[in-house]
């Protein structure tokens, strides 16, 4: 499974690279803080897969709190034909630790 560090993601975002962020945390977690992109809780991902079909060729970064749920989501998408999917290593906790210490994480 492909992974990306928070520093690598920050560089991509700063360079306005065309990446699709998908946050798989629960609603309450997403409301506390997020990096933008689509919000699809992990449990809803199987029912939302058709909505994502237009993104199969795009670079997709999966996000959660610590990197575990997003790893499951990354695996699920790759098993369903998505070829350019990466898991954000360490998730939002790593983002808060390394990029934005002011960011609250639920």
PDB file of N, CA and C in Angstrom:
ATOM      1  N   UNK A   1       0.844  -1.185   0.000  1.00  0.00           N
ATOM      2  CA  UNK A   1       0.000   0.000   0.000  1.00  0.00           C
ATOM      3  C   UNK A   1       0.885   1.243   0.000  1.00  0.00           C
ATOM      4  N   UNK A   2       0.519   2.168  -0.838  1.00  0.00           N
ATOM      5  CA  UNK A   2       1.267   3.417  -0.944  1.00  0.00           C
ATOM      6  C   UNK A   2       0.914   4.325   0.237  1.00  0.00           C
ATOM      7  N   UNK A   3       1.936   4.946   0.803  1.00  0.00           N
ATOM      8  CA  UNK A   3       1.721   5.907   1.883  1.00  0.00           C
ATOM      9  C   UNK A   3       2.389   7.228   1.523  1.00  0.00           C
ATOM     10  N   UNK A   4       1.883   8.283   2.125  1.00  0.00           N
ATOM     11  CA  UNK A   4       2.449   9.610   1.937  1.00  0.00           C
ATOM     12  C   UNK A   4       2.591  10.240   3.319  1.00  0.00           C
ATOM     13  N   UNK A   5       3.686  10.955   3.537  1.00  0.00           N
ATOM     14  CA  UNK A   5       3.872  11.624   4.826  1.00  0.00           C
ATOM     15  C   UNK A   5       3.133  12.957   4.822  1.00  0.00           C
ATOM     16  N   UNK A   6       2.944  13.504   6.009  1.00  0.00           N
ATOM     17  CA  UNK A   6       2.268  14.800   6.089  1.00  0.00           C
ATOM     18  C   UNK A   6       3.112  15.889   5.429  1.00  0.00           C
ATOM     19  N   UNK A   7       4.427  15.774   5.511  1.00  0.00           N
ATOM     20  CA  UNK A   7       5.295  16.773   4.871  1.00  0.00           C
ATOM     21  C   UNK A   7       5.179  16.695   3.348  1.00  0.00           C
ATOM     22  N   UNK A   8       5.093  15.477   2.817  1.00  0.00           N
ATOM     23  CA  UNK A   8       4.912  15.319   1.367  1.00  0.00           C
ATOM     24  C   UNK A   8       3.563  15.885   0.928  1.00  0.00           C
ATOM     25  N   UNK A   9       2.520  15.624   1.724  1.00  0.00           N
ATOM     26  CA  UNK A   9       1.202  16.158   1.384  1.00  0.00           C
ATOM     27  C   UNK A   9       1.201  17.674   1.455  1.00  0.00           C
ATOM     28  N   UNK A  10       1.839  18.234   2.464  1.00  0.00           N
ATOM     29  CA  UNK A  10       1.903  19.696   2.601  1.00  0.00           C
ATOM     30  C   UNK A  10       2.545  20.309   1.359  1.00  0.00           C
ATOM     31  N   UNK A  11       3.625  19.697   0.856  1.00  0.00           N
ATOM     32  CA  UNK A  11       4.282  20.194  -0.360  1.00  0.00           C
ATOM     33  C   UNK A  11       3.328  20.163  -1.553  1.00  0.00           C
ATOM     34  N   UNK A  12       2.585  19.079  -1.676  1.00  0.00           N
ATOM     35  CA  UNK A  12       1.628  18.967  -2.781  1.00  0.00           C
ATOM     36  C   UNK A  12       0.552  20.042  -2.680  1.00  0.00           C
ATOM     37  N   UNK A  13       0.023  20.249  -1.483  1.00  0.00           N
ATOM     38  CA  UNK A  13      -1.025  21.249  -1.294  1.00  0.00           C
ATOM     39  C   UNK A  13      -0.486  22.654  -1.541  1.00  0.00           C
ATOM     40  N   UNK A  14       0.719  22.927  -1.043  1.00  0.00           N
ATOM     41  CA  UNK A  14       1.329  24.244  -1.252  1.00  0.00           C
ATOM     42  C   UNK A  14       1.595  24.520  -2.732  1.00  0.00           C
ATOM     43  N   UNK A  15       1.877  23.458  -3.484  1.00  0.00           N
ATOM     44  CA  UNK A  15       2.149  23.592  -4.918  1.00  0.00           C
ATOM     45  C   UNK A  15       0.862  23.524  -5.747  1.00  0.00           C
ATOM     46  N   UNK A  16      -0.275  23.472  -5.058  1.00  0.00           N
ATOM     47  CA  UNK A  16      -1.589  23.376  -5.726  1.00  0.00           C
ATOM     48  C   UNK A  16      -1.678  22.189  -6.680  1.00  0.00           C
ATOM     49  N   UNK A  17      -1.034  21.081  -6.295  1.00  0.00           N
ATOM     50  CA  UNK A  17      -1.140  19.872  -7.113  1.00  0.00           C
ATOM     51  C   UNK A  17      -2.578  19.365  -7.075  1.00  0.00           C
ATOM     52  N   UNK A  18      -2.984  18.730  -8.146  1.00  0.00           N
ATOM     53  CA  UNK A  18      -4.355  18.244  -8.286  1.00  0.00           C
ATOM     54  C   UNK A  18      -4.506  16.895  -7.586  1.00  0.00           C
ATOM     55  N   UNK A  19      -4.741  16.936  -6.283  1.00  0.00           N
ATOM     56  CA  UNK A  19      -4.966  15.723  -5.505  1.00  0.00           C
ATOM     57  C   UNK A  19      -6.362  15.786  -4.896  1.00  0.00           C
ATOM     58  N   UNK A  20      -6.963  14.620  -4.727  1.00  0.00           N
ATOM     59  CA  UNK A  20      -8.276  14.536  -4.091  1.00  0.00           C
ATOM     60  C   UNK A  20      -8.090  13.988  -2.683  1.00  0.00           C
ATOM     61  N   UNK A  21      -8.424  14.785  -1.688  1.00  0.00           N
ATOM     62  CA  UNK A  21      -8.385  14.330  -0.309  1.00  0.00           C
ATOM     63  C   UNK A  21      -9.727  13.694   0.023  1.00  0.00           C
ATOM     64  N   UNK A  22      -9.684  12.541   0.685  1.00  0.00           N
ATOM     65  CA  UNK A  22     -10.899  11.900   1.183  1.00  0.00           C
ATOM     66  C   UNK A  22     -10.673  11.570   2.649  1.00  0.00           C
ATOM     67  N   UNK A  23     -11.479  12.190   3.507  1.00  0.00           N
ATOM     68  CA  UNK A  23     -11.382  12.024   4.956  1.00  0.00           C
ATOM     69  C   UNK A  23     -12.414  10.990   5.380  1.00  0.00           C
ATOM     70  N   UNK A  24     -11.968   9.897   5.995  1.00  0.00           N
ATOM     71  CA  UNK A  24     -12.870   8.801   6.353  1.00  0.00           C
ATOM     72  C   UNK A  24     -13.224   8.776   7.840  1.00  0.00           C
ATOM     73  N   UNK A  25     -12.956   9.872   8.542  1.00  0.00           N
ATOM     74  CA  UNK A  25     -13.325   9.939   9.961  1.00  0.00           C
ATOM     75  C   UNK A  25     -14.831  10.140  10.112  1.00  0.00           C
ATOM     76  N   UNK A  26     -15.302   9.992  11.331  1.00  0.00           N
ATOM     77  CA  UNK A  26     -16.716  10.211  11.624  1.00  0.00           C
ATOM     78  C   UNK A  26     -17.034  11.703  11.570  1.00  0.00           C
ATOM     79  N   UNK A  27     -18.329  12.016  11.469  1.00  0.00           N
ATOM     80  CA  UNK A  27     -18.773  13.407  11.341  1.00  0.00           C
ATOM     81  C   UNK A  27     -18.211  14.309  12.433  1.00  0.00           C
ATOM     82  N   UNK A  28     -18.304  13.864  13.696  1.00  0.00           N
ATOM     83  CA  UNK A  28     -17.855  14.724  14.796  1.00  0.00           C
ATOM     84  C   UNK A  28     -16.363  15.007  14.717  1.00  0.00           C
ATOM     85  N   UNK A  29     -15.576  14.060  14.254  1.00  0.00           N
ATOM     86  CA  UNK A  29     -14.134  14.267  14.116  1.00  0.00           C
ATOM     87  C   UNK A  29     -13.846  15.271  13.002  1.00  0.00           C
ATOM     88  N   UNK A  30     -14.542  15.111  11.888  1.00  0.00           N
ATOM     89  CA  UNK A  30     -14.352  15.988  10.733  1.00  0.00           C
ATOM     90  C   UNK A  30     -14.733  17.422  11.074  1.00  0.00           C
ATOM     91  N   UNK A  31     -15.781  17.587  11.887  1.00  0.00           N
ATOM     92  CA  UNK A  31     -16.239  18.927  12.252  1.00  0.00           C
ATOM     93  C   UNK A  31     -15.226  19.658  13.133  1.00  0.00           C
ATOM     94  N   UNK A  32     -14.469  18.926  13.931  1.00  0.00           N
ATOM     95  CA  UNK A  32     -13.459  19.549  14.797  1.00  0.00           C
ATOM     96  C   UNK A  32     -12.339  20.154  13.961  1.00  0.00           C
ATOM     97  N   UNK A  33     -11.871  19.416  12.967  1.00  0.00           N
ATOM     98  CA  UNK A  33     -10.815  19.915  12.077  1.00  0.00           C
ATOM     99  C   UNK A  33     -10.750  19.026  10.845  1.00  0.00           C
ATOM    100  N   UNK A  34     -10.352  19.633   9.726  1.00  0.00           N
ATOM    101  CA  UNK A  34     -10.177  18.856   8.503  1.00  0.00           C
ATOM    102  C   UNK A  34      -9.275  19.626   7.544  1.00  0.00           C
ATOM    103  N   UNK A  35      -8.825  18.931   6.526  1.00  0.00           N
ATOM    104  CA  UNK A  35      -7.952  19.533   5.514  1.00  0.00           C
ATOM    105  C   UNK A  35      -8.708  19.829   4.226  1.00  0.00           C
ATOM    106  N   UNK A  36     -10.028  19.737   4.280  1.00  0.00           N
ATOM    107  CA  UNK A  36     -10.839  19.940   3.082  1.00  0.00           C
ATOM    108  C   UNK A  36     -11.039  18.629   2.353  1.00  0.00           C
ATOM    109  N   UNK A  37     -11.446  18.706   1.127  1.00  0.00           N
ATOM    110  CA  UNK A  37     -11.692  17.499   0.349  1.00  0.00           C
ATOM    111  C   UNK A  37     -13.039  16.881   0.664  1.00  0.00           C
ATOM    112  N   UNK A  38     -13.213  15.651   0.216  1.00  0.00           N
ATOM    113  CA  UNK A  38     -14.464  14.931   0.442  1.00  0.00           C
ATOM    114  C   UNK A  38     -14.466  14.306   1.830  1.00  0.00           C
ATOM    115  N   UNK A  39     -15.639  14.273   2.438  1.00  0.00           N
ATOM    116  CA  UNK A  39     -15.803  13.600   3.720  1.00  0.00           C
ATOM    117  C   UNK A  39     -16.715  12.403   3.513  1.00  0.00           C
ATOM    118  N   UNK A  40     -16.150  11.211   3.638  1.00  0.00           N
ATOM    119  CA  UNK A  40     -16.919   9.971   3.524  1.00  0.00           C
ATOM    120  C   UNK A  40     -16.487   9.066   4.676  1.00  0.00           C
ATOM    121  N   UNK A  41     -17.294   8.981   5.739  1.00  0.00           N
ATOM    122  CA  UNK A  41     -16.924   8.092   6.846  1.00  0.00           C
ATOM    123  C   UNK A  41     -16.653   6.671   6.336  1.00  0.00           C
ATOM    124  N   UNK A  42     -15.691   6.008   6.946  1.00  0.00           N
ATOM    125  CA  UNK A  42     -15.252   4.692   6.481  1.00  0.00           C
ATOM    126  C   UNK A  42     -16.419   3.724   6.295  1.00  0.00           C
ATOM    127  N   UNK A  43     -17.361   3.712   7.222  1.00  0.00           N
ATOM    128  CA  UNK A  43     -18.491   2.799   7.121  1.00  0.00           C
ATOM    129  C   UNK A  43     -19.378   3.058   5.919  1.00  0.00           C
ATOM    130  N   UNK A  44     -19.337   4.262   5.389  1.00  0.00           N
ATOM    131  CA  UNK A  44     -20.154   4.625   4.221  1.00  0.00           C
ATOM    132  C   UNK A  44     -19.428   4.417   2.900  1.00  0.00           C
ATOM    133  N   UNK A  45     -18.140   4.159   2.954  1.00  0.00           N
ATOM    134  CA  UNK A  45     -17.342   4.085   1.725  1.00  0.00           C
ATOM    135  C   UNK A  45     -17.870   3.059   0.712  1.00  0.00           C
ATOM    136  N   UNK A  46     -18.230   1.842   1.140  1.00  0.00           N
ATOM    137  CA  UNK A  46     -18.726   0.877   0.144  1.00  0.00           C
ATOM    138  C   UNK A  46     -19.967   1.358  -0.610  1.00  0.00           C
ATOM    139  N   UNK A  47     -20.820   2.127   0.042  1.00  0.00           N
ATOM    140  CA  UNK A  47     -22.035   2.601  -0.630  1.00  0.00           C
ATOM    141  C   UNK A  47     -21.778   3.858  -1.460  1.00  0.00           C
ATOM    142  N   UNK A  48     -20.628   4.482  -1.283  1.00  0.00           N
ATOM    143  CA  UNK A  48     -20.291   5.709  -2.011  1.00  0.00           C
ATOM    144  C   UNK A  48     -19.301   5.468  -3.146  1.00  0.00           C
ATOM    145  N   UNK A  49     -18.918   4.226  -3.364  1.00  0.00           N
ATOM    146  CA  UNK A  49     -17.873   3.915  -4.335  1.00  0.00           C
ATOM    147  C   UNK A  49     -18.231   4.400  -5.747  1.00  0.00           C
ATOM    148  N   UNK A  50     -19.503   4.334  -6.103  1.00  0.00           N
ATOM    149  CA  UNK A  50     -19.919   4.796  -7.432  1.00  0.00           C
ATOM    150  C   UNK A  50     -19.684   6.297  -7.601  1.00  0.00           C
ATOM    151  N   UNK A  51     -19.876   7.059  -6.524  1.00  0.00           N
ATOM    152  CA  UNK A  51     -19.650   8.508  -6.575  1.00  0.00           C
ATOM    153  C   UNK A  51     -18.194   8.841  -6.874  1.00  0.00           C
ATOM    154  N   UNK A  52     -17.310   7.920  -6.539  1.00  0.00           N
ATOM    155  CA  UNK A  52     -15.876   8.156  -6.707  1.00  0.00           C
ATOM    156  C   UNK A  52     -15.336   7.620  -8.030  1.00  0.00           C
ATOM    157  N   UNK A  53     -16.173   6.972  -8.819  1.00  0.00           N
ATOM    158  CA  UNK A  53     -15.688   6.304 -10.032  1.00  0.00           C
ATOM    159  C   UNK A  53     -14.981   7.257 -10.998  1.00  0.00           C
ATOM    160  N   UNK A  54     -15.360   8.522 -11.011  1.00  0.00           N
ATOM    161  CA  UNK A  54     -14.709   9.493 -11.878  1.00  0.00           C
ATOM    162  C   UNK A  54     -13.315   9.892 -11.419  1.00  0.00           C
ATOM    163  N   UNK A  55     -12.916   9.415 -10.248  1.00  0.00           N
ATOM    164  CA  UNK A  55     -11.608   9.775  -9.688  1.00  0.00           C
ATOM    165  C   UNK A  55     -10.567   8.668  -9.850  1.00  0.00           C
ATOM    166  N   UNK A  56     -10.889   7.612 -10.581  1.00  0.00           N
ATOM    167  CA  UNK A  56      -9.991   6.447 -10.652  1.00  0.00           C
ATOM    168  C   UNK A  56      -8.595   6.780 -11.157  1.00  0.00           C
ATOM    169  N   UNK A  57      -8.464   7.788 -11.993  1.00  0.00           N
ATOM    170  CA  UNK A  57      -7.155   8.144 -12.543  1.00  0.00           C
ATOM    171  C   UNK A  57      -6.472   9.263 -11.751  1.00  0.00           C
ATOM    172  N   UNK A  58      -7.202   9.883 -10.850  1.00  0.00           N
ATOM    173  CA  UNK A  58      -6.673  11.016 -10.090  1.00  0.00           C
ATOM    174  C   UNK A  58      -5.914  10.519  -8.855  1.00  0.00           C
ATOM    175  N   UNK A  59      -4.952  11.312  -8.399  1.00  0.00           N
ATOM    176  CA  UNK A  59      -4.257  10.971  -7.162  1.00  0.00           C
ATOM    177  C   UNK A  59      -5.193  11.227  -5.986  1.00  0.00           C
ATOM    178  N   UNK A  60      -5.402  10.195  -5.179  1.00  0.00           N
ATOM    179  CA  UNK A  60      -6.299  10.268  -4.027  1.00  0.00           C
ATOM    180  C   UNK A  60      -5.486  10.035  -2.763  1.00  0.00           C
ATOM    181  N   UNK A  61      -5.694  10.908  -1.771  1.00  0.00           N
ATOM    182  CA  UNK A  61      -5.049  10.758  -0.469  1.00  0.00           C
ATOM    183  C   UNK A  61      -6.140  10.491   0.558  1.00  0.00           C
ATOM    184  N   UNK A  62      -6.043   9.357   1.241  1.00  0.00           N
ATOM    185  CA  UNK A  62      -7.015   8.978   2.262  1.00  0.00           C
ATOM    186  C   UNK A  62      -6.520   9.469   3.626  1.00  0.00           C
ATOM    187  N   UNK A  63      -7.448  10.041   4.409  1.00  0.00           N
ATOM    188  CA  UNK A  63      -7.095  10.661   5.689  1.00  0.00           C
ATOM    189  C   UNK A  63      -8.008  10.146   6.797  1.00  0.00           C
ATOM    190  N   UNK A  64      -7.431   9.926   7.986  1.00  0.00           N
ATOM    191  CA  UNK A  64      -8.215   9.680   9.195  1.00  0.00           C
ATOM    192  C   UNK A  64      -7.448  10.269  10.382  1.00  0.00           C
ATOM    193  N   UNK A  65      -7.789   9.866  11.578  1.00  0.00           N
ATOM    194  CA  UNK A  65      -7.152  10.441  12.767  1.00  0.00           C
ATOM    195  C   UNK A  65      -5.689  10.002  12.892  1.00  0.00           C
ATOM    196  N   UNK A  66      -5.455   8.676  12.759  1.00  0.00           N
ATOM    197  CA  UNK A  66      -4.108   8.161  13.000  1.00  0.00           C
ATOM    198  C   UNK A  66      -3.487   7.413  11.824  1.00  0.00           C
ATOM    199  N   UNK A  67      -4.271   7.149  10.804  1.00  0.00           N
ATOM    200  CA  UNK A  67      -3.762   6.422   9.645  1.00  0.00           C
ATOM    201  C   UNK A  67      -4.275   5.000   9.525  1.00  0.00           C
ATOM    202  N   UNK A  68      -4.977   4.495  10.539  1.00  0.00           N
ATOM    203  CA  UNK A  68      -5.463   3.110  10.506  1.00  0.00           C
ATOM    204  C   UNK A  68      -6.717   2.962   9.643  1.00  0.00           C
ATOM    205  N   UNK A  69      -7.736   3.769   9.906  1.00  0.00           N
ATOM    206  CA  UNK A  69      -8.961   3.689   9.098  1.00  0.00           C
ATOM    207  C   UNK A  69      -8.683   4.054   7.648  1.00  0.00           C
ATOM    208  N   UNK A  70      -7.849   5.059   7.447  1.00  0.00           N
ATOM    209  CA  UNK A  70      -7.540   5.456   6.069  1.00  0.00           C
ATOM    210  C   UNK A  70      -6.733   4.375   5.352  1.00  0.00           C
ATOM    211  N   UNK A  71      -5.955   3.583   6.094  1.00  0.00           N
ATOM    212  CA  UNK A  71      -5.250   2.451   5.479  1.00  0.00           C
ATOM    213  C   UNK A  71      -6.260   1.426   4.979  1.00  0.00           C
ATOM    214  N   UNK A  72      -7.292   1.153   5.783  1.00  0.00           N
ATOM    215  CA  UNK A  72      -8.353   0.240   5.349  1.00  0.00           C
ATOM    216  C   UNK A  72      -9.054   0.782   4.111  1.00  0.00           C
ATOM    217  N   UNK A  73      -9.318   2.085   4.103  1.00  0.00           N
ATOM    218  CA  UNK A  73      -9.987   2.719   2.966  1.00  0.00           C
ATOM    219  C   UNK A  73      -9.102   2.672   1.719  1.00  0.00           C
ATOM    220  N   UNK A  74      -7.809   2.889   1.898  1.00  0.00           N
ATOM    221  CA  UNK A  74      -6.863   2.820   0.782  1.00  0.00           C
ATOM    222  C   UNK A  74      -6.881   1.424   0.170  1.00  0.00           C
ATOM    223  N   UNK A  75      -6.834   0.417   1.020  1.00  0.00           N
ATOM    224  CA  UNK A  75      -6.879  -0.968   0.555  1.00  0.00           C
ATOM    225  C   UNK A  75      -8.180  -1.238  -0.198  1.00  0.00           C
ATOM    226  N   UNK A  76      -9.304  -0.791   0.363  1.00  0.00           N
ATOM    227  CA  UNK A  76     -10.611  -0.996  -0.260  1.00  0.00           C
ATOM    228  C   UNK A  76     -10.654  -0.378  -1.659  1.00  0.00           C
ATOM    229  N   UNK A  77     -10.189   0.857  -1.780  1.00  0.00           N
ATOM    230  CA  UNK A  77     -10.222   1.512  -3.094  1.00  0.00           C
ATOM    231  C   UNK A  77      -9.316   0.809  -4.096  1.00  0.00           C
ATOM    232  N   UNK A  78      -8.130   0.397  -3.668  1.00  0.00           N
ATOM    233  CA  UNK A  78      -7.228  -0.289  -4.603  1.00  0.00           C
ATOM    234  C   UNK A  78      -7.827  -1.624  -5.044  1.00  0.00           C
ATOM    235  N   UNK A  79      -8.554  -2.290  -4.161  1.00  0.00           N
ATOM    236  CA  UNK A  79      -9.218  -3.543  -4.526  1.00  0.00           C
ATOM    237  C   UNK A  79     -10.375  -3.312  -5.498  1.00  0.00           C
ATOM    238  N   UNK A  80     -10.819  -2.067  -5.591  1.00  0.00           N
ATOM    239  CA  UNK A  80     -11.937  -1.730  -6.466  1.00  0.00           C
ATOM    240  C   UNK A  80     -11.508  -0.918  -7.685  1.00  0.00           C
ATOM    241  N   UNK A  81     -10.249  -1.073  -8.083  1.00  0.00           N
ATOM    242  CA  UNK A  81      -9.801  -0.521  -9.353  1.00  0.00           C
ATOM    243  C   UNK A  81      -9.169   0.861  -9.323  1.00  0.00           C
ATOM    244  N   UNK A  82      -9.022   1.443  -8.149  1.00  0.00           N
ATOM    245  CA  UNK A  82      -8.360   2.747  -8.055  1.00  0.00           C
ATOM    246  C   UNK A  82      -6.857   2.494  -8.008  1.00  0.00           C
ATOM    247  N   UNK A  83      -6.119   3.172  -8.879  1.00  0.00           N
ATOM    248  CA  UNK A  83      -4.701   2.846  -9.038  1.00  0.00           C
ATOM    249  C   UNK A  83      -3.741   3.847  -8.403  1.00  0.00           C
ATOM    250  N   UNK A  84      -4.225   5.022  -8.046  1.00  0.00           N
ATOM    251  CA  UNK A  84      -3.329   6.057  -7.531  1.00  0.00           C
ATOM    252  C   UNK A  84      -3.835   6.568  -6.182  1.00  0.00           C
ATOM    253  N   UNK A  85      -3.862   5.659  -5.196  1.00  0.00           N
ATOM    254  CA  UNK A  85      -4.389   5.966  -3.867  1.00  0.00           C
ATOM    255  C   UNK A  85      -3.274   5.824  -2.845  1.00  0.00           C
ATOM    256  N   UNK A  86      -3.181   6.793  -1.934  1.00  0.00           N
ATOM    257  CA  UNK A  86      -2.177   6.733  -0.873  1.00  0.00           C
ATOM    258  C   UNK A  86      -2.830   7.016   0.471  1.00  0.00           C
ATOM    259  N   UNK A  87      -2.289   6.400   1.495  1.00  0.00           N
ATOM    260  CA  UNK A  87      -2.723   6.608   2.867  1.00  0.00           C
ATOM    261  C   UNK A  87      -1.855   7.696   3.501  1.00  0.00           C
ATOM    262  N   UNK A  88      -2.490   8.650   4.187  1.00  0.00           N
ATOM    263  CA  UNK A  88      -1.719   9.668   4.905  1.00  0.00           C
ATOM    264  C   UNK A  88      -1.171   9.043   6.179  1.00  0.00           C
ATOM    265  N   UNK A  89       0.113   8.792   6.194  1.00  0.00           N
ATOM    266  CA  UNK A  89       0.773   8.149   7.325  1.00  0.00           C
ATOM    267  C   UNK A  89       0.653   9.007   8.586  1.00  0.00           C
ATOM    268  N   UNK A  90       0.096   8.429   9.635  1.00  0.00           N
ATOM    269  CA  UNK A  90      -0.053   9.160  10.898  1.00  0.00           C
ATOM    270  C   UNK A  90      -1.297  10.013  10.977  1.00  0.00           C
ATOM    271  N   UNK A  91      -1.985  10.196   9.850  1.00  0.00           N
ATOM    272  CA  UNK A  91      -3.254  10.912   9.821  1.00  0.00           C
ATOM    273  C   UNK A  91      -3.204  12.333  10.358  1.00  0.00           C
ATOM    274  N   UNK A  92      -4.352  12.765  10.862  1.00  0.00           N
ATOM    275  CA  UNK A  92      -4.484  14.134  11.367  1.00  0.00           C
ATOM    276  C   UNK A  92      -3.619  14.371  12.604  1.00  0.00           C
ATOM    277  N   UNK A  93      -3.352  13.318  13.369  1.00  0.00           N
ATOM    278  CA  UNK A  93      -2.473  13.474  14.533  1.00  0.00           C
ATOM    279  C   UNK A  93      -1.072  13.866  14.081  1.00  0.00           C
ATOM    280  N   UNK A  94      -0.576  13.237  13.022  1.00  0.00           N
ATOM    281  CA  UNK A  94       0.746  13.585  12.493  1.00  0.00           C
ATOM    282  C   UNK A  94       0.733  14.988  11.905  1.00  0.00           C
ATOM    283  N   UNK A  95      -0.378  15.363  11.239  1.00  0.00           N
ATOM    284  CA  UNK A  95      -0.489  16.712  10.679  1.00  0.00           C
ATOM    285  C   UNK A  95      -0.387  17.740  11.803  1.00  0.00           C
ATOM    286  N   UNK A  96      -1.094  17.495  12.898  1.00  0.00           N
ATOM    287  CA  UNK A  96      -1.058  18.413  14.040  1.00  0.00           C
ATOM    288  C   UNK A  96       0.337  18.447  14.667  1.00  0.00           C
ATOM    289  N   UNK A  97       0.999  17.305  14.748  1.00  0.00           N
ATOM    290  CA  UNK A  97       2.339  17.244  15.349  1.00  0.00           C
ATOM    291  C   UNK A  97       3.399  17.926  14.492  1.00  0.00           C
ATOM    292  N   UNK A  98       3.358  17.700  13.183  1.00  0.00           N
ATOM    293  CA  UNK A  98       4.452  18.128  12.311  1.00  0.00           C
ATOM    294  C   UNK A  98       4.185  19.385  11.488  1.00  0.00           C
ATOM    295  N   UNK A  99       2.918  19.689  11.223  1.00  0.00           N
ATOM    296  CA  UNK A  99       2.601  20.794  10.318  1.00  0.00           C
ATOM    297  C   UNK A  99       1.899  21.941  11.032  1.00  0.00           C
ATOM    298  N   UNK A 100       0.858  21.638  11.790  1.00  0.00           N
ATOM    299  CA  UNK A 100       0.026  22.679  12.400  1.00  0.00           C
ATOM    300  C   UNK A 100      -0.310  22.330  13.848  1.00  0.00           C
ATOM    301  N   UNK A 101       0.580  22.693  14.783  1.00  0.00           N
ATOM    302  CA  UNK A 101       0.357  22.360  16.195  1.00  0.00           C
ATOM    303  C   UNK A 101      -0.904  22.989  16.793  1.00  0.00           C
ATOM    304  N   UNK A 102      -1.456  24.005  16.145  1.00  0.00           N
ATOM    305  CA  UNK A 102      -2.674  24.657  16.640  1.00  0.00           C
ATOM    306  C   UNK A 102      -3.938  23.888  16.248  1.00  0.00           C
ATOM    307  N   UNK A 103      -3.798  22.931  15.356  1.00  0.00           N
ATOM    308  CA  UNK A 103      -4.951  22.197  14.839  1.00  0.00           C
ATOM    309  C   UNK A 103      -5.496  21.241  15.894  1.00  0.00           C
ATOM    310  N   UNK A 104      -6.771  21.400  16.275  1.00  0.00           N
ATOM    311  CA  UNK A 104      -7.352  20.448  17.224  1.00  0.00           C
ATOM    312  C   UNK A 104      -7.700  19.146  16.499  1.00  0.00           C
ATOM    313  N   UNK A 105      -7.487  18.024  17.157  1.00  0.00           N
ATOM    314  CA  UNK A 105      -7.815  16.726  16.572  1.00  0.00           C
ATOM    315  C   UNK A 105      -8.690  15.965  17.553  1.00  0.00           C
ATOM    316  N   UNK A 106      -9.871  15.559  17.093  1.00  0.00           N
ATOM    317  CA  UNK A 106     -10.796  14.801  17.952  1.00  0.00           C
ATOM    318  C   UNK A 106     -10.506  13.323  17.831  1.00  0.00           C
TER     319      UNK A 106
END
